Amino acid sequence: MNGWLKVFIRFIECVIILAIGLWVTNSILTPMFEQYGIMLLGNVWVNWFGVSYLLLFGILYY
């Protein structure tokens, strides 16, 4: 049972990091890109996962 608890906690951690990454992408990156005249269209999920990846490893290895 202890193993499943660790898996569940890691899963919840990943979901939270993805949610924070989506919020940062929509709230911070999109207005910043549009301020410089860059349309953030198309593969927005690539930016979203990139931000989430940086957040995850920034938190784990800080």
N, C-alpha and C. Protein backbone atom coordinates (compact mmCIF):
# COMPACT_ATOMS: atom_id res chain seq x y z
N MET A 1 0.82 -1.20 0.00
CA MET A 1 0.00 0.00 0.00
C MET A 1 0.86 1.25 0.00
N ASN A 2 2.02 1.20 0.65
CA ASN A 2 2.90 2.36 0.70
C ASN A 2 3.40 2.74 -0.69
N GLY A 3 3.63 1.76 -1.54
CA GLY A 3 4.06 2.03 -2.92
C GLY A 3 3.01 2.77 -3.71
N TRP A 4 1.75 2.36 -3.55
CA TRP A 4 0.66 3.03 -4.26
C TRP A 4 0.48 4.46 -3.78
N LEU A 5 0.73 4.70 -2.51
CA LEU A 5 0.62 6.06 -1.98
C LEU A 5 1.67 6.97 -2.61
N LYS A 6 2.89 6.47 -2.78
CA LYS A 6 3.94 7.25 -3.43
C LYS A 6 3.59 7.54 -4.88
N VAL A 7 3.03 6.55 -5.57
CA VAL A 7 2.62 6.75 -6.97
C VAL A 7 1.51 7.79 -7.04
N PHE A 8 0.55 7.72 -6.14
CA PHE A 8 -0.56 8.67 -6.13
C PHE A 8 -0.06 10.09 -5.84
N ILE A 9 0.84 10.23 -4.89
CA ILE A 9 1.38 11.56 -4.56
C ILE A 9 2.15 12.11 -5.75
N ARG A 10 2.94 11.30 -6.43
CA ARG A 10 3.69 11.75 -7.60
C ARG A 10 2.73 12.16 -8.72
N PHE A 11 1.65 11.41 -8.90
CA PHE A 11 0.65 11.73 -9.92
C PHE A 11 0.00 13.08 -9.62
N ILE A 12 -0.40 13.29 -8.37
CA ILE A 12 -1.01 14.56 -7.98
C ILE A 12 -0.02 15.71 -8.17
N GLU A 13 1.23 15.47 -7.85
CA GLU A 13 2.26 16.49 -8.04
C GLU A 13 2.38 16.87 -9.52
N CYS A 14 2.38 15.89 -10.40
CA CYS A 14 2.47 16.16 -11.84
C CYS A 14 1.25 16.92 -12.35
N VAL A 15 0.07 16.57 -11.87
CA VAL A 15 -1.15 17.27 -12.28
C VAL A 15 -1.10 18.72 -11.82
N ILE A 16 -0.64 18.96 -10.61
CA ILE A 16 -0.54 20.33 -10.09
C ILE A 16 0.47 21.13 -10.89
N ILE A 17 1.62 20.53 -11.21
CA ILE A 17 2.64 21.22 -12.00
C ILE A 17 2.10 21.54 -13.40
N LEU A 18 1.36 20.62 -14.01
CA LEU A 18 0.77 20.89 -15.31
C LEU A 18 -0.26 22.02 -15.23
N ALA A 19 -1.05 22.05 -14.16
CA ALA A 19 -2.03 23.12 -14.00
C ALA A 19 -1.35 24.47 -13.82
N ILE A 20 -0.29 24.51 -13.04
CA ILE A 20 0.45 25.76 -12.85
C ILE A 20 1.10 26.18 -14.17
N GLY A 21 1.65 25.23 -14.90
CA GLY A 21 2.25 25.53 -16.20
C GLY A 21 1.24 26.08 -17.19
N LEU A 22 0.03 25.55 -17.19
CA LEU A 22 -1.03 26.07 -18.06
C LEU A 22 -1.41 27.48 -17.66
N TRP A 23 -1.50 27.72 -16.37
CA TRP A 23 -1.83 29.06 -15.90
C TRP A 23 -0.74 30.07 -16.28
N VAL A 24 0.52 29.68 -16.10
CA VAL A 24 1.63 30.58 -16.46
C VAL A 24 1.64 30.84 -17.97
N THR A 25 1.37 29.81 -18.76
CA THR A 25 1.35 29.98 -20.21
C THR A 25 0.25 30.93 -20.63
N ASN A 26 -0.93 30.77 -20.07
CA ASN A 26 -2.06 31.61 -20.47
C ASN A 26 -2.02 33.00 -19.85
N SER A 27 -1.53 33.13 -18.65
CA SER A 27 -1.57 34.41 -17.94
C SER A 27 -0.34 35.28 -18.16
N ILE A 28 0.81 34.66 -18.36
CA ILE A 28 2.05 35.43 -18.43
C ILE A 28 2.65 35.39 -19.84
N LEU A 29 2.82 34.20 -20.40
CA LEU A 29 3.49 34.11 -21.69
C LEU A 29 2.66 34.69 -22.84
N THR A 30 1.37 34.40 -22.88
CA THR A 30 0.54 34.90 -23.98
C THR A 30 0.53 36.42 -24.03
N PRO A 31 0.25 37.14 -22.92
CA PRO A 31 0.30 38.61 -23.01
C PRO A 31 1.70 39.13 -23.33
N MET A 32 2.73 38.46 -22.84
CA MET A 32 4.09 38.92 -23.11
C MET A 32 4.43 38.75 -24.59
N PHE A 33 4.05 37.63 -25.19
CA PHE A 33 4.29 37.42 -26.61
C PHE A 33 3.50 38.43 -27.43
N GLU A 34 2.23 38.65 -27.09
CA GLU A 34 1.39 39.56 -27.85
C GLU A 34 1.85 41.00 -27.71
N GLN A 35 2.51 41.33 -26.62
CA GLN A 35 3.04 42.68 -26.44
C GLN A 35 4.12 42.97 -27.50
N TYR A 36 4.86 41.96 -27.89
CA TYR A 36 5.89 42.11 -28.91
C TYR A 36 5.41 41.77 -30.31
N GLY A 37 4.10 41.58 -30.46
CA GLY A 37 3.53 41.32 -31.78
C GLY A 37 3.64 39.89 -32.25
N ILE A 38 3.88 38.96 -31.35
CA ILE A 38 4.00 37.55 -31.70
C ILE A 38 2.69 36.87 -31.31
N MET A 39 2.03 36.27 -32.29
CA MET A 39 0.78 35.55 -32.01
C MET A 39 1.13 34.16 -31.47
N LEU A 40 0.59 33.84 -30.33
CA LEU A 40 0.83 32.53 -29.71
C LEU A 40 -0.29 31.59 -30.16
N LEU A 41 -0.14 31.07 -31.36
CA LEU A 41 -1.13 30.18 -31.96
C LEU A 41 -0.47 28.87 -32.34
N GLY A 42 -1.27 27.89 -32.65
CA GLY A 42 -0.73 26.61 -33.11
C GLY A 42 -0.43 25.68 -31.97
N ASN A 43 0.83 25.35 -31.81
CA ASN A 43 1.25 24.36 -30.83
C ASN A 43 1.50 25.01 -29.47
N VAL A 44 0.45 25.55 -28.89
CA VAL A 44 0.56 26.18 -27.58
C VAL A 44 0.89 25.14 -26.52
N TRP A 45 0.46 23.91 -26.74
CA TRP A 45 0.72 22.86 -25.75
C TRP A 45 2.22 22.60 -25.61
N VAL A 46 3.01 22.86 -26.67
CA VAL A 46 4.45 22.68 -26.57
C VAL A 46 5.01 23.68 -25.56
N ASN A 47 4.57 24.92 -25.63
CA ASN A 47 4.99 25.92 -24.65
C ASN A 47 4.50 25.54 -23.26
N TRP A 48 3.27 25.05 -23.18
CA TRP A 48 2.69 24.66 -21.89
C TRP A 48 3.52 23.56 -21.24
N PHE A 49 3.85 22.51 -21.99
CA PHE A 49 4.64 21.42 -21.42
C PHE A 49 6.07 21.87 -21.13
N GLY A 50 6.59 22.78 -21.94
CA GLY A 50 7.93 23.30 -21.67
C GLY A 50 7.98 24.08 -20.37
N VAL A 51 6.98 24.91 -20.14
CA VAL A 51 6.91 25.66 -18.88
C VAL A 51 6.73 24.70 -17.71
N SER A 52 5.87 23.71 -17.88
CA SER A 52 5.64 22.74 -16.81
C SER A 52 6.91 21.94 -16.51
N TYR A 53 7.63 21.57 -17.56
CA TYR A 53 8.89 20.83 -17.39
C TYR A 53 9.89 21.67 -16.60
N LEU A 54 10.02 22.94 -16.96
CA LEU A 54 10.94 23.81 -16.23
C LEU A 54 10.51 24.00 -14.78
N LEU A 55 9.20 24.13 -14.55
CA LEU A 55 8.71 24.25 -13.18
C LEU A 55 9.00 23.01 -12.37
N LEU A 56 8.74 21.84 -12.95
CA LEU A 56 8.94 20.60 -12.23
C LEU A 56 10.40 20.41 -11.84
N PHE A 57 11.30 20.57 -12.79
CA PHE A 57 12.71 20.34 -12.47
C PHE A 57 13.32 21.51 -11.72
N GLY A 58 12.73 22.68 -11.83
CA GLY A 58 13.17 23.80 -11.01
C GLY A 58 12.82 23.58 -9.54
N ILE A 59 11.67 22.96 -9.29
CA ILE A 59 11.26 22.68 -7.91
C ILE A 59 12.04 21.48 -7.35
N LEU A 60 12.23 20.45 -8.17
CA LEU A 60 12.88 19.24 -7.68
C LEU A 60 14.36 19.45 -7.40
N TYR A 61 15.04 20.27 -8.20
CA TYR A 61 16.48 20.40 -8.07
C TYR A 61 16.92 21.74 -7.55
N TYR A 62 16.04 22.50 -6.93
CA TYR A 62 16.40 23.82 -6.40
C TYR A 62 17.14 23.69 -5.11
